[in-house]
Amino acid sequence: MRLARVAPRLYNGGDMNMTTQPKKSRREVLEQFVAQKPADAFARYGLALECAKLGDDQAATSHFQKLLEDSPQYVAGYFQFGQLLSRMGRTDEARKVLSDGIVMAQKTGDAHARDEMEAALSMLR
C-alpha cells in the first residue's frame, strides 16, 4: 500500500529532485562538437550549414573558410560555400570558391560534385 502513495508523487514530479536543463539548439550542439574536435571536418561543415540556415552569414563564412583551410579535400564545402557567397552577392568570391572546388573534385575523383559545381559556376557567369 505504501508504494501506491509514493508512486503518484514520483511520477508527477513530487519528490524527485531532478533539475531540468534547457535543451541545446542544433547550433549549440554542433558548436560543442567543433570545440571538442576542431579538426572534425563533418562537424565543422554541419556547423557552417547551420549558421547559414539561421542567417548568420558571418559565422557561416568563417566556418566554411576554416573547413576548406584545414580540410581542402572536403569537396561539399566548396559547393555550399559558393552557394552562400552567391546568395550574399559576393559573386567573384563565389566563382573562385567553386572553381577551386571543381579542381579539388577532379583530384578526388568526385564527378558528381564537380558537375554540380560546374553547373553552379555557369549560372554565375
N, C-alpha and C. Protein backbone atom coordinates (compact mmCIF):
# COMPACT_ATOMS: atom_id res chain seq x y z
N MET A 1 0.82 -1.19 0.00
CA MET A 1 0.00 0.00 0.00
C MET A 1 0.86 1.26 0.00
N ARG A 2 1.91 1.22 0.72
CA ARG A 2 2.77 2.40 0.79
C ARG A 2 3.29 2.79 -0.59
N LEU A 3 3.60 1.83 -1.43
CA LEU A 3 4.08 2.09 -2.77
C LEU A 3 3.03 2.84 -3.58
N ALA A 4 1.80 2.55 -3.40
CA ALA A 4 0.73 3.22 -4.15
C ALA A 4 0.71 4.71 -3.84
N ARG A 5 1.02 5.11 -2.61
CA ARG A 5 1.01 6.53 -2.25
C ARG A 5 2.26 7.25 -2.75
N VAL A 6 3.37 6.56 -2.81
CA VAL A 6 4.63 7.17 -3.23
C VAL A 6 4.69 7.31 -4.74
N ALA A 7 4.28 6.30 -5.46
CA ALA A 7 4.42 6.28 -6.91
C ALA A 7 3.78 7.48 -7.59
N PRO A 8 2.54 7.86 -7.28
CA PRO A 8 1.97 9.01 -7.98
C PRO A 8 2.77 10.30 -7.75
N ARG A 9 3.28 10.48 -6.55
CA ARG A 9 4.08 11.68 -6.28
C ARG A 9 5.35 11.66 -7.11
N LEU A 10 5.99 10.49 -7.24
CA LEU A 10 7.22 10.40 -8.01
C LEU A 10 6.94 10.66 -9.49
N TYR A 11 5.91 10.07 -10.01
CA TYR A 11 5.60 10.25 -11.43
C TYR A 11 5.14 11.66 -11.75
N ASN A 12 4.57 12.33 -10.80
CA ASN A 12 4.13 13.71 -11.01
C ASN A 12 5.20 14.72 -10.65
N GLY A 13 6.37 14.26 -10.34
CA GLY A 13 7.49 15.14 -10.04
C GLY A 13 7.53 15.59 -8.60
N GLY A 14 6.71 15.04 -7.75
CA GLY A 14 6.62 15.47 -6.36
C GLY A 14 7.92 15.38 -5.58
N ASP A 15 8.45 14.19 -5.41
CA ASP A 15 9.63 14.01 -4.58
C ASP A 15 10.91 13.83 -5.40
N MET A 16 10.82 13.80 -6.67
CA MET A 16 12.01 13.59 -7.48
C MET A 16 12.74 14.92 -7.60
N ASN A 17 13.98 14.93 -7.23
CA ASN A 17 14.78 16.16 -7.24
C ASN A 17 15.66 16.16 -8.49
N MET A 18 15.03 16.28 -9.65
CA MET A 18 15.78 16.30 -10.90
C MET A 18 15.76 17.73 -11.44
N THR A 19 16.90 18.18 -11.85
CA THR A 19 16.96 19.51 -12.45
C THR A 19 16.74 19.38 -13.95
N THR A 20 15.98 20.29 -14.46
CA THR A 20 15.71 20.29 -15.89
C THR A 20 16.63 21.29 -16.56
N GLN A 21 17.42 20.80 -17.49
CA GLN A 21 18.32 21.68 -18.22
C GLN A 21 17.65 22.03 -19.54
N PRO A 22 17.82 23.27 -19.96
CA PRO A 22 17.21 23.64 -21.24
C PRO A 22 17.86 22.85 -22.38
N LYS A 23 17.04 22.47 -23.34
CA LYS A 23 17.55 21.71 -24.47
C LYS A 23 18.43 22.60 -25.33
N LYS A 24 19.58 22.07 -25.73
CA LYS A 24 20.50 22.83 -26.56
C LYS A 24 19.98 22.88 -27.99
N SER A 25 20.23 24.00 -28.64
CA SER A 25 19.86 24.12 -30.04
C SER A 25 20.81 23.28 -30.88
N ARG A 26 20.43 23.03 -32.11
CA ARG A 26 21.29 22.27 -33.03
C ARG A 26 22.62 22.98 -33.18
N ARG A 27 22.58 24.31 -33.29
CA ARG A 27 23.82 25.07 -33.43
C ARG A 27 24.71 24.90 -32.21
N GLU A 28 24.12 24.96 -31.02
CA GLU A 28 24.91 24.81 -29.80
C GLU A 28 25.56 23.43 -29.72
N VAL A 29 24.83 22.41 -30.14
CA VAL A 29 25.38 21.05 -30.12
C VAL A 29 26.55 20.96 -31.10
N LEU A 30 26.37 21.52 -32.29
CA LEU A 30 27.44 21.49 -33.29
C LEU A 30 28.64 22.31 -32.84
N GLU A 31 28.39 23.45 -32.20
CA GLU A 31 29.50 24.26 -31.68
C GLU A 31 30.28 23.48 -30.63
N GLN A 32 29.57 22.71 -29.82
CA GLN A 32 30.23 21.89 -28.81
C GLN A 32 31.08 20.81 -29.48
N PHE A 33 30.55 20.16 -30.50
CA PHE A 33 31.32 19.15 -31.23
C PHE A 33 32.60 19.76 -31.80
N VAL A 34 32.46 20.93 -32.44
CA VAL A 34 33.62 21.57 -33.07
C VAL A 34 34.64 22.00 -32.01
N ALA A 35 34.16 22.46 -30.86
CA ALA A 35 35.07 22.85 -29.79
C ALA A 35 35.86 21.65 -29.27
N GLN A 36 35.19 20.50 -29.19
CA GLN A 36 35.84 19.29 -28.70
C GLN A 36 36.77 18.67 -29.74
N LYS A 37 36.40 18.76 -31.01
CA LYS A 37 37.19 18.17 -32.09
C LYS A 37 37.27 19.16 -33.25
N PRO A 38 38.11 20.17 -33.13
CA PRO A 38 38.17 21.21 -34.16
C PRO A 38 38.59 20.69 -35.54
N ALA A 39 39.25 19.57 -35.62
CA ALA A 39 39.68 19.03 -36.90
C ALA A 39 38.63 18.13 -37.55
N ASP A 40 37.49 17.95 -36.91
CA ASP A 40 36.43 17.11 -37.46
C ASP A 40 35.71 17.88 -38.57
N ALA A 41 36.05 17.56 -39.81
CA ALA A 41 35.50 18.29 -40.96
C ALA A 41 33.99 18.17 -41.04
N PHE A 42 33.44 17.01 -40.75
CA PHE A 42 32.00 16.82 -40.84
C PHE A 42 31.25 17.73 -39.85
N ALA A 43 31.76 17.82 -38.63
CA ALA A 43 31.13 18.68 -37.62
C ALA A 43 31.22 20.15 -38.03
N ARG A 44 32.38 20.57 -38.52
CA ARG A 44 32.53 21.96 -38.94
C ARG A 44 31.63 22.28 -40.13
N TYR A 45 31.54 21.36 -41.06
CA TYR A 45 30.65 21.52 -42.22
C TYR A 45 29.20 21.68 -41.75
N GLY A 46 28.78 20.82 -40.83
CA GLY A 46 27.43 20.90 -40.29
C GLY A 46 27.18 22.22 -39.59
N LEU A 47 28.16 22.69 -38.85
CA LEU A 47 28.02 23.98 -38.16
C LEU A 47 27.94 25.12 -39.16
N ALA A 48 28.75 25.07 -40.21
CA ALA A 48 28.70 26.12 -41.23
C ALA A 48 27.32 26.14 -41.89
N LEU A 49 26.79 24.97 -42.21
CA LEU A 49 25.46 24.89 -42.82
C LEU A 49 24.38 25.42 -41.87
N GLU A 50 24.49 25.06 -40.60
CA GLU A 50 23.50 25.51 -39.63
C GLU A 50 23.54 27.03 -39.47
N CYS A 51 24.73 27.59 -39.41
CA CYS A 51 24.86 29.05 -39.32
C CYS A 51 24.24 29.73 -40.54
N ALA A 52 24.49 29.16 -41.71
CA ALA A 52 23.92 29.72 -42.94
C ALA A 52 22.40 29.63 -42.90
N LYS A 53 21.89 28.50 -42.45
CA LYS A 53 20.44 28.30 -42.37
C LYS A 53 19.80 29.33 -41.42
N LEU A 54 20.51 29.65 -40.35
CA LEU A 54 20.00 30.60 -39.37
C LEU A 54 20.21 32.05 -39.78
N GLY A 55 20.89 32.27 -40.91
CA GLY A 55 21.13 33.63 -41.40
C GLY A 55 22.35 34.30 -40.81
N ASP A 56 23.16 33.54 -40.10
CA ASP A 56 24.40 34.11 -39.55
C ASP A 56 25.51 33.91 -40.58
N ASP A 57 25.46 34.74 -41.62
CA ASP A 57 26.38 34.60 -42.75
C ASP A 57 27.84 34.79 -42.34
N GLN A 58 28.08 35.67 -41.40
CA GLN A 58 29.46 35.90 -40.96
C GLN A 58 30.04 34.64 -40.32
N ALA A 59 29.30 34.03 -39.43
CA ALA A 59 29.78 32.80 -38.78
C ALA A 59 29.90 31.67 -39.80
N ALA A 60 28.92 31.56 -40.70
CA ALA A 60 28.96 30.52 -41.72
C ALA A 60 30.20 30.68 -42.59
N THR A 61 30.47 31.91 -43.00
CA THR A 61 31.65 32.20 -43.82
C THR A 61 32.92 31.79 -43.09
N SER A 62 33.01 32.15 -41.83
CA SER A 62 34.18 31.81 -41.04
C SER A 62 34.38 30.30 -40.94
N HIS A 63 33.29 29.57 -40.72
CA HIS A 63 33.40 28.11 -40.58
C HIS A 63 33.73 27.45 -41.92
N PHE A 64 33.15 27.94 -43.01
CA PHE A 64 33.50 27.38 -44.31
C PHE A 64 34.97 27.65 -44.63
N GLN A 65 35.44 28.85 -44.34
CA GLN A 65 36.85 29.16 -44.60
C GLN A 65 37.77 28.25 -43.80
N LYS A 66 37.46 28.05 -42.53
CA LYS A 66 38.26 27.18 -41.67
C LYS A 66 38.20 25.73 -42.17
N LEU A 67 37.02 25.30 -42.58
CA LEU A 67 36.85 23.94 -43.11
C LEU A 67 37.76 23.72 -44.32
N LEU A 68 37.71 24.65 -45.28
CA LEU A 68 38.47 24.46 -46.51
C LEU A 68 39.97 24.66 -46.30
N GLU A 69 40.31 25.46 -45.30
CA GLU A 69 41.73 25.63 -44.95
C GLU A 69 42.29 24.36 -44.34
N ASP A 70 41.55 23.76 -43.42
CA ASP A 70 42.01 22.57 -42.70
C ASP A 70 41.78 21.27 -43.46
N SER A 71 40.71 21.23 -44.27
CA SER A 71 40.33 20.00 -44.97
C SER A 71 39.99 20.33 -46.42
N PRO A 72 41.00 20.68 -47.21
CA PRO A 72 40.72 21.10 -48.58
C PRO A 72 40.07 20.02 -49.45
N GLN A 73 40.17 18.78 -49.05
CA GLN A 73 39.57 17.69 -49.81
C GLN A 73 38.08 17.52 -49.51
N TYR A 74 37.52 18.30 -48.59
CA TYR A 74 36.10 18.20 -48.24
C TYR A 74 35.29 18.94 -49.31
N VAL A 75 35.06 18.28 -50.41
CA VAL A 75 34.53 18.88 -51.63
C VAL A 75 33.16 19.53 -51.43
N ALA A 76 32.30 18.95 -50.64
CA ALA A 76 30.97 19.52 -50.43
C ALA A 76 31.04 20.94 -49.86
N GLY A 77 32.10 21.22 -49.12
CA GLY A 77 32.26 22.55 -48.54
C GLY A 77 32.39 23.64 -49.59
N TYR A 78 33.05 23.33 -50.69
CA TYR A 78 33.21 24.32 -51.76
C TYR A 78 31.86 24.68 -52.37
N PHE A 79 31.07 23.66 -52.65
CA PHE A 79 29.76 23.90 -53.26
C PHE A 79 28.88 24.76 -52.36
N GLN A 80 28.76 24.35 -51.10
CA GLN A 80 27.88 25.09 -50.18
C GLN A 80 28.41 26.49 -49.90
N PHE A 81 29.73 26.63 -49.77
CA PHE A 81 30.31 27.95 -49.52
C PHE A 81 30.08 28.84 -50.75
N GLY A 82 30.26 28.28 -51.92
CA GLY A 82 30.00 29.03 -53.13
C GLY A 82 28.55 29.49 -53.21
N GLN A 83 27.64 28.63 -52.84
CA GLN A 83 26.22 28.99 -52.82
C GLN A 83 25.96 30.13 -51.83
N LEU A 84 26.56 30.03 -50.65
CA LEU A 84 26.40 31.08 -49.64
C LEU A 84 26.93 32.42 -50.16
N LEU A 85 28.14 32.41 -50.70
CA LEU A 85 28.72 33.65 -51.20
C LEU A 85 27.86 34.25 -52.31
N SER A 86 27.33 33.41 -53.15
CA SER A 86 26.45 33.88 -54.22
C SER A 86 25.20 34.54 -53.65
N ARG A 87 24.57 33.91 -52.66
CA ARG A 87 23.38 34.49 -52.01
C ARG A 87 23.71 35.82 -51.35
N MET A 88 24.94 35.95 -50.88
CA MET A 88 25.36 37.19 -50.22
C MET A 88 25.74 38.28 -51.23
N GLY A 89 25.72 37.95 -52.52
CA GLY A 89 26.08 38.91 -53.54
C GLY A 89 27.57 39.03 -53.76
N ARG A 90 28.33 38.12 -53.23
CA ARG A 90 29.79 38.11 -53.37
C ARG A 90 30.16 37.17 -54.52
N THR A 91 29.74 37.55 -55.71
CA THR A 91 29.81 36.70 -56.89
C THR A 91 31.23 36.33 -57.27
N ASP A 92 32.14 37.28 -57.26
CA ASP A 92 33.53 36.97 -57.63
C ASP A 92 34.13 35.93 -56.70
N GLU A 93 33.88 36.09 -55.40
CA GLU A 93 34.39 35.12 -54.44
C GLU A 93 33.73 33.76 -54.63
N ALA A 94 32.43 33.77 -54.95
CA ALA A 94 31.71 32.51 -55.19
C ALA A 94 32.31 31.78 -56.38
N ARG A 95 32.62 32.53 -57.44
CA ARG A 95 33.24 31.92 -58.62
C ARG A 95 34.58 31.28 -58.26
N LYS A 96 35.37 31.98 -57.48
CA LYS A 96 36.69 31.47 -57.08
C LYS A 96 36.56 30.18 -56.27
N VAL A 97 35.65 30.20 -55.29
CA VAL A 97 35.45 29.02 -54.44
C VAL A 97 34.96 27.84 -55.27
N LEU A 98 34.01 28.07 -56.15
CA LEU A 98 33.50 26.99 -56.99
C LEU A 98 34.59 26.47 -57.93
N SER A 99 35.39 27.37 -58.49
CA SER A 99 36.49 26.95 -59.37
C SER A 99 37.49 26.09 -58.61
N ASP A 100 37.84 26.51 -57.41
CA ASP A 100 38.74 25.72 -56.57
C ASP A 100 38.12 24.36 -56.24
N GLY A 101 36.82 24.36 -56.00
CA GLY A 101 36.12 23.12 -55.69
C GLY A 101 36.10 22.16 -56.87
N ILE A 102 35.96 22.70 -58.06
CA ILE A 102 35.98 21.86 -59.26
C ILE A 102 37.33 21.17 -59.39
N VAL A 103 38.39 21.93 -59.17
CA VAL A 103 39.75 21.36 -59.23
C VAL A 103 39.90 20.25 -58.18
N MET A 104 39.44 20.52 -56.96
CA MET A 104 39.57 19.52 -55.90
C MET A 104 38.70 18.29 -56.19
N ALA A 105 37.51 18.51 -56.72
CA ALA A 105 36.64 17.38 -57.06
C ALA A 105 37.29 16.50 -58.12
N GLN A 106 37.98 17.11 -59.07
CA GLN A 106 38.69 16.33 -60.09
C GLN A 106 39.82 15.53 -59.45
N LYS A 107 40.54 16.16 -58.52
CA LYS A 107 41.64 15.48 -57.85
C LYS A 107 41.16 14.28 -57.03
N THR A 108 39.99 14.44 -56.40
CA THR A 108 39.48 13.38 -55.53
C THR A 108 38.59 12.39 -56.28
N GLY A 109 38.34 12.65 -57.56
CA GLY A 109 37.52 11.74 -58.36
C GLY A 109 36.04 11.85 -58.09
N ASP A 110 35.58 12.97 -57.59
CA ASP A 110 34.16 13.16 -57.29
C ASP A 110 33.48 13.87 -58.46
N ALA A 111 33.09 13.07 -59.46
CA ALA A 111 32.50 13.63 -60.68
C ALA A 111 31.16 14.30 -60.42
N HIS A 112 30.37 13.75 -59.52
CA HIS A 112 29.06 14.34 -59.21
C HIS A 112 29.23 15.75 -58.64
N ALA A 113 30.10 15.91 -57.67
CA ALA A 113 30.33 17.23 -57.07
C ALA A 113 30.91 18.19 -58.12
N ARG A 114 31.81 17.69 -58.93
CA ARG A 114 32.38 18.52 -60.00
C ARG A 114 31.28 19.04 -60.92
N ASP A 115 30.39 18.14 -61.33
CA ASP A 115 29.30 18.54 -62.23
C ASP A 115 28.38 19.57 -61.59
N GLU A 116 28.06 19.37 -60.31
CA GLU A 116 27.20 20.34 -59.60
C GLU A 116 27.87 21.71 -59.53
N MET A 117 29.16 21.72 -59.22
CA MET A 117 29.85 22.99 -59.12
C MET A 117 30.03 23.66 -60.48
N GLU A 118 30.24 22.87 -61.52
CA GLU A 118 30.33 23.44 -62.86
C GLU A 118 29.00 24.09 -63.26
N ALA A 119 27.90 23.43 -62.93
CA ALA A 119 26.57 24.00 -63.23
C ALA A 119 26.34 25.28 -62.44
N ALA A 120 26.71 25.27 -61.16
CA ALA A 120 26.56 26.48 -60.33
C ALA A 120 27.43 27.61 -60.86
N LEU A 121 28.64 27.27 -61.25
CA LEU A 121 29.57 28.28 -61.78
C LEU A 121 29.04 28.88 -63.08
N SER A 122 28.48 28.06 -63.93
CA SER A 122 27.96 28.57 -65.21
C SER A 122 26.79 29.53 -64.98
N MET A 123 26.05 29.32 -63.91
CA MET A 123 24.94 30.24 -63.59
C MET A 123 25.44 31.59 -63.09
N LEU A 124 26.67 31.64 -62.63
CA LEU A 124 27.23 32.89 -62.12
C LEU A 124 27.93 33.69 -63.21
N ARG A 125 28.07 33.15 -64.39
CA ARG A 125 28.76 33.84 -65.48
C ARG A 125 27.82 34.67 -66.30
